[in-house]
Amino acid sequence: MVEPLLLIKNLHVAIEGKEIVHGIDLVIGAGELHVVMGPNGSGKSTLVHTLMGHPRSAVTGGSVLFRGQDLLAMSPDARARGGLFLAFQYPRELAGVPLRSFLYAAYKQHTTARNMRPRSLLSFQSLLAEEAERLHFPSALLDRPVHVGLSGGERKKCEILQLRVLRPALALLDETDSGLDIDALRVVAEGVQQLRDASFSVLLVTHYARMLQYLRPDHVHVMIGGKIVESGGPDLAQQLEKEGYEKWTRVT
């Protein structure tokens, strides 16, 4: 039997003493794209932040294995080196840290952690220019401090640029589609879809199905009140887009 990339069993998470996630089970295999959909306050963002090791997220029960290892025992830095990546809904500014330098430092660290030889600075700069062009991300922004002075759409593209450069095993995308116009949404979604292969998996949390016009999810999950209440294929996302969440909110 093939070992899953991520195995979550009966996960409970509290923030400031209040339980937000109530016993989630989730299995993500290598190369799979999972989408968790739900209304505001359903615990979607808490789930992905917990997986990345956010200090506010207190795990009060359950277990999480990533590549067969106890994820909850790892520091956030170790999780990143091990192949996890989180794209934030609201990316933070890093004043005084040029994006180009930040990405090369992160790239070298991640590549070394995989026992691979990193590209030279010149070769990396060429790669970075290619990836920025694919995302229609202006090259002039590569020399700015990370996210400083960028629009909301530019920040989201910057997050996906980081994703494409680092090539993690599992990308956690926290409402990456929020605040994007139609053109930016397509560019960002295609930037993720182009990476999909057996070595790259995605867990996307979102309110809406619009990003799924350009992505091809393997599994869609409905999260209400901190629980996954239904799972299915891409058709489930279309059902949610048409009917909303009332069917499940009435029950819970």
Protein backbone atom coordinates (compact mmCIF):
# COMPACT_ATOMS: atom_id res chain seq x y z
CA MET A 1 0.00 0.00 0.00
CA VAL A 2 1.35 3.43 -0.97
CA GLU A 3 1.98 5.71 1.99
CA PRO A 4 -0.01 8.97 1.78
CA LEU A 5 1.84 12.26 1.65
CA LEU A 6 -0.31 13.74 4.42
CA LEU A 7 -2.41 11.80 6.90
CA ILE A 8 -4.60 13.71 9.36
CA LYS A 9 -6.48 11.73 12.00
CA ASN A 10 -9.08 13.18 14.37
CA LEU A 11 -7.39 16.60 14.50
CA HIS A 12 -8.65 19.05 17.11
CA VAL A 13 -7.32 22.61 17.24
CA ALA A 14 -8.02 25.46 19.65
CA ILE A 15 -7.14 29.14 19.48
CA GLU A 16 -6.97 31.04 22.77
CA GLY A 17 -8.82 28.22 24.50
CA LYS A 18 -11.68 27.98 22.00
CA GLU A 19 -11.82 24.86 19.85
CA ILE A 20 -12.04 25.75 16.15
CA VAL A 21 -11.29 22.43 14.42
CA HIS A 22 -13.33 19.49 15.67
CA GLY A 23 -11.90 16.10 14.74
CA ILE A 24 -10.84 16.34 11.09
CA ASP A 25 -9.70 13.32 9.09
CA LEU A 26 -7.99 13.91 5.75
CA VAL A 27 -5.69 11.90 3.48
CA ILE A 28 -3.72 13.53 0.66
CA GLY A 29 -1.78 11.35 -1.73
CA ALA A 30 1.24 12.31 -3.83
CA GLY A 31 0.23 14.41 -6.82
CA GLU A 32 -3.30 15.09 -5.59
CA LEU A 33 -5.12 18.42 -5.43
CA HIS A 34 -7.63 18.74 -2.60
CA VAL A 35 -9.97 21.70 -2.15
CA VAL A 36 -11.60 22.55 1.19
CA MET A 37 -14.60 24.85 0.75
CA GLY A 38 -16.68 26.49 3.42
CA PRO A 39 -18.15 29.77 4.63
CA ASN A 40 -16.33 32.31 6.80
CA GLY A 41 -15.49 31.02 10.25
CA SER A 42 -15.62 27.34 9.30
CA GLY A 43 -12.00 26.69 10.34
CA LYS A 44 -10.42 26.39 6.90
CA SER A 45 -7.59 28.85 7.49
CA THR A 46 -7.01 27.50 10.98
CA LEU A 47 -6.49 24.06 9.46
CA VAL A 48 -3.74 25.10 7.04
CA HIS A 49 -2.08 27.43 9.55
CA THR A 50 -1.97 24.55 12.04
CA LEU A 51 -0.30 22.32 9.47
CA MET A 52 2.37 24.99 8.97
CA GLY A 53 2.91 25.34 12.73
CA HIS A 54 1.31 28.70 13.55
CA PRO A 55 2.00 29.48 17.23
CA ARG A 56 -1.63 30.47 17.93
CA SER A 57 -2.89 27.04 16.88
CA ALA A 58 -2.96 24.69 19.85
CA VAL A 59 -3.45 21.07 18.83
CA THR A 60 -5.59 19.47 21.53
CA GLY A 61 -6.04 16.07 19.94
CA GLY A 62 -5.31 13.87 16.97
CA SER A 63 -2.25 13.27 14.82
CA VAL A 64 -0.71 14.45 11.55
CA LEU A 65 1.85 12.49 9.56
CA PHE A 66 3.73 14.12 6.68
CA ARG A 67 5.83 11.75 4.61
CA GLY A 68 5.46 9.27 7.45
CA GLN A 69 6.88 11.66 10.04
CA ASP A 70 5.12 13.31 12.99
CA LEU A 71 4.42 16.77 11.58
CA LEU A 72 3.22 18.15 14.90
CA ALA A 73 6.62 17.47 16.48
CA MET A 74 8.41 19.62 13.87
CA SER A 75 9.17 23.34 14.08
CA PRO A 76 7.68 25.55 11.34
CA ASP A 77 11.16 25.86 9.82
CA ALA A 78 11.58 22.08 9.75
CA ARG A 79 8.16 21.72 8.12
CA ALA A 80 9.19 24.15 5.38
CA ARG A 81 12.52 22.39 4.82
CA GLY A 82 10.66 19.08 4.70
CA GLY A 83 8.50 20.23 1.79
CA LEU A 84 5.53 22.22 3.15
CA PHE A 85 4.68 25.65 1.76
CA LEU A 86 1.96 28.06 2.90
CA ALA A 87 0.66 30.84 0.64
CA PHE A 88 -1.04 33.33 2.94
CA GLN A 89 -4.40 34.97 2.36
CA TYR A 90 -2.85 38.27 3.49
CA PRO A 91 0.91 38.09 2.74
CA ARG A 92 3.04 40.14 5.16
CA GLU A 93 5.59 42.74 4.16
CA LEU A 94 9.29 42.13 4.86
CA ALA A 95 10.76 45.62 4.89
CA GLY A 96 14.42 45.83 3.93
CA VAL A 97 14.55 42.33 2.41
CA PRO A 98 14.73 42.40 -1.42
CA LEU A 99 12.54 39.73 -2.99
CA ARG A 100 15.33 38.53 -5.28
CA SER A 101 17.72 37.95 -2.35
CA PHE A 102 14.99 36.41 -0.19
CA LEU A 103 14.08 33.88 -2.87
CA TYR A 104 17.66 32.85 -3.57
CA ALA A 105 18.36 32.31 0.14
CA ALA A 106 15.17 30.26 0.52
CA TYR A 107 15.89 28.31 -2.66
CA LYS A 108 19.40 27.37 -1.51
CA GLN A 109 18.14 26.26 1.89
CA HIS A 110 15.33 24.15 0.44
CA THR A 111 17.54 22.61 -2.24
CA THR A 112 20.26 21.71 0.27
CA ALA A 113 17.65 20.17 2.58
CA ARG A 114 16.75 17.80 -0.27
CA ASN A 115 20.40 16.82 -0.69
CA MET A 116 20.52 18.51 -4.08
CA ARG A 117 23.05 20.93 -5.45
CA PRO A 118 21.58 24.45 -5.83
CA ARG A 119 21.94 26.47 -9.00
CA SER A 120 24.56 29.18 -9.20
CA LEU A 121 23.34 32.72 -8.59
CA LEU A 122 23.48 33.47 -12.32
CA SER A 123 21.51 30.35 -13.21
CA PHE A 124 18.97 31.10 -10.48
CA GLN A 125 18.47 34.65 -11.74
CA SER A 126 17.64 33.23 -15.17
CA LEU A 127 15.13 30.81 -13.63
CA LEU A 128 13.57 33.59 -11.57
CA ALA A 129 13.16 35.81 -14.63
CA GLU A 130 11.42 32.99 -16.52
CA GLU A 131 9.04 32.23 -13.67
CA ALA A 132 8.22 35.92 -13.15
CA GLU A 133 7.41 36.29 -16.84
CA ARG A 134 5.08 33.28 -16.73
CA LEU A 135 3.10 34.96 -13.96
CA HIS A 136 3.16 38.41 -15.61
CA PHE A 137 5.02 39.61 -12.52
CA PRO A 138 7.03 42.77 -13.40
CA SER A 139 10.77 42.15 -13.13
CA ALA A 140 11.25 45.54 -11.43
CA LEU A 141 9.33 44.20 -8.42
CA LEU A 142 11.99 41.53 -7.84
CA ASP A 143 14.30 44.21 -6.45
CA ARG A 144 11.72 45.63 -4.04
CA PRO A 145 11.42 44.46 -0.43
CA VAL A 146 9.14 41.42 -0.15
CA HIS A 147 5.50 42.50 -0.70
CA VAL A 148 6.26 46.16 0.11
CA GLY A 149 4.22 48.53 -2.05
CA LEU A 150 2.55 45.70 -3.96
CA SER A 151 -1.13 45.54 -4.79
CA GLY A 152 -3.22 42.65 -3.51
CA GLY A 153 -2.99 40.87 -6.85
CA GLU A 154 0.76 41.41 -7.07
CA ARG A 155 1.19 39.95 -3.58
CA LYS A 156 -0.72 36.83 -4.59
CA LYS A 157 1.41 36.47 -7.72
CA CYS A 158 4.49 36.92 -5.55
CA GLU A 159 3.36 34.04 -3.33
CA ILE A 160 2.90 31.79 -6.36
CA LEU A 161 6.29 32.91 -7.69
CA GLN A 162 7.81 31.71 -4.42
CA LEU A 163 5.91 28.44 -4.79
CA ARG A 164 7.20 27.89 -8.32
CA VAL A 165 10.79 28.61 -7.32
CA LEU A 166 10.79 26.42 -4.19
CA ARG A 167 8.78 23.49 -5.64
CA PRO A 168 7.50 22.05 -2.34
CA ALA A 169 5.96 18.61 -1.95
CA LEU A 170 2.72 20.07 -0.56
CA ALA A 171 1.42 23.60 -1.12
CA LEU A 172 -1.13 24.95 1.34
CA LEU A 173 -3.04 27.75 -0.40
CA ASP A 174 -5.07 29.91 1.97
CA GLU A 175 -7.78 31.62 -0.11
CA THR A 176 -5.26 32.50 -2.80
CA ASP A 177 -8.15 33.51 -5.06
CA SER A 178 -9.46 36.28 -2.79
CA GLY A 179 -9.11 39.80 -4.13
CA LEU A 180 -8.00 38.75 -7.62
CA ASP A 181 -9.56 40.07 -10.81
CA ILE A 182 -10.42 37.62 -13.58
CA ASP A 183 -7.11 37.92 -15.43
CA ALA A 184 -4.96 37.63 -12.29
CA LEU A 185 -7.05 34.68 -11.10
CA ARG A 186 -6.37 32.80 -14.33
CA VAL A 187 -2.63 33.54 -14.24
CA VAL A 188 -2.29 32.47 -10.60
CA ALA A 189 -4.37 29.30 -11.04
CA GLU A 190 -2.48 28.28 -14.16
CA GLY A 191 0.77 28.98 -12.32
CA VAL A 192 -0.25 26.30 -9.82
CA GLN A 193 -1.75 23.87 -12.34
CA GLN A 194 1.42 23.86 -14.47
CA LEU A 195 3.40 22.44 -11.53
CA ARG A 196 1.17 19.45 -11.02
CA ASP A 197 2.88 16.09 -11.19
CA ALA A 198 3.44 13.09 -8.94
CA SER A 199 5.86 15.06 -6.73
CA PHE A 200 3.59 18.06 -6.09
CA SER A 201 0.34 18.12 -4.11
CA VAL A 202 -1.99 20.97 -3.19
CA LEU A 203 -4.44 21.70 -0.37
CA LEU A 204 -6.46 24.78 -1.36
CA VAL A 205 -8.97 26.40 0.98
CA THR A 206 -11.51 28.79 -0.51
CA HIS A 207 -15.08 30.12 -0.34
CA TYR A 208 -15.74 29.94 -4.04
CA ALA A 209 -15.35 27.57 -6.99
CA ARG A 210 -14.16 30.23 -9.44
CA MET A 211 -10.46 29.24 -9.21
CA LEU A 212 -11.46 25.69 -10.09
CA GLN A 213 -12.24 26.81 -13.64
CA TYR A 214 -8.47 26.60 -14.17
CA LEU A 215 -7.51 23.89 -11.67
CA ARG A 216 -8.52 20.25 -11.82
CA PRO A 217 -9.11 19.05 -8.26
CA ASP A 218 -9.11 15.37 -7.38
CA HIS A 219 -11.16 15.82 -4.21
CA VAL A 220 -13.44 18.54 -2.84
CA HIS A 221 -14.39 18.73 0.85
CA VAL A 222 -17.06 20.82 2.56
CA MET A 223 -16.02 22.25 5.93
CA ILE A 224 -18.70 23.61 8.25
CA GLY A 225 -18.28 24.47 11.92
CA GLY A 226 -14.78 23.05 12.14
CA LYS A 227 -15.73 19.68 10.63
CA ILE A 228 -15.52 18.14 7.17
CA VAL A 229 -19.17 17.28 6.56
CA GLU A 230 -18.97 15.96 2.99
CA SER A 231 -16.36 14.96 0.43
CA GLY A 232 -16.62 14.35 -3.28
CA GLY A 233 -15.20 15.15 -6.68
CA PRO A 234 -15.18 18.35 -8.77
CA ASP A 235 -18.98 18.17 -9.16
CA LEU A 236 -19.35 18.95 -5.47
CA ALA A 237 -17.69 22.34 -6.00
CA GLN A 238 -20.14 23.14 -8.77
CA GLN A 239 -23.03 22.15 -6.52
CA LEU A 240 -21.75 24.53 -3.84
CA GLU A 241 -21.42 27.33 -6.36
CA LYS A 242 -25.07 26.90 -7.36
CA GLU A 243 -26.68 26.05 -4.03
CA GLY A 244 -24.39 27.50 -1.36
CA TYR A 245 -23.81 25.96 2.06
CA GLU A 246 -27.35 26.08 3.44
CA LYS A 247 -27.86 22.33 3.08
CA TRP A 248 -25.07 21.68 5.59
CA THR A 249 -25.46 24.71 7.84
CA ARG A 250 -29.07 23.67 8.56
CA VAL A 251 -27.86 20.27 9.74
CA THR A 252 -24.95 21.53 11.86
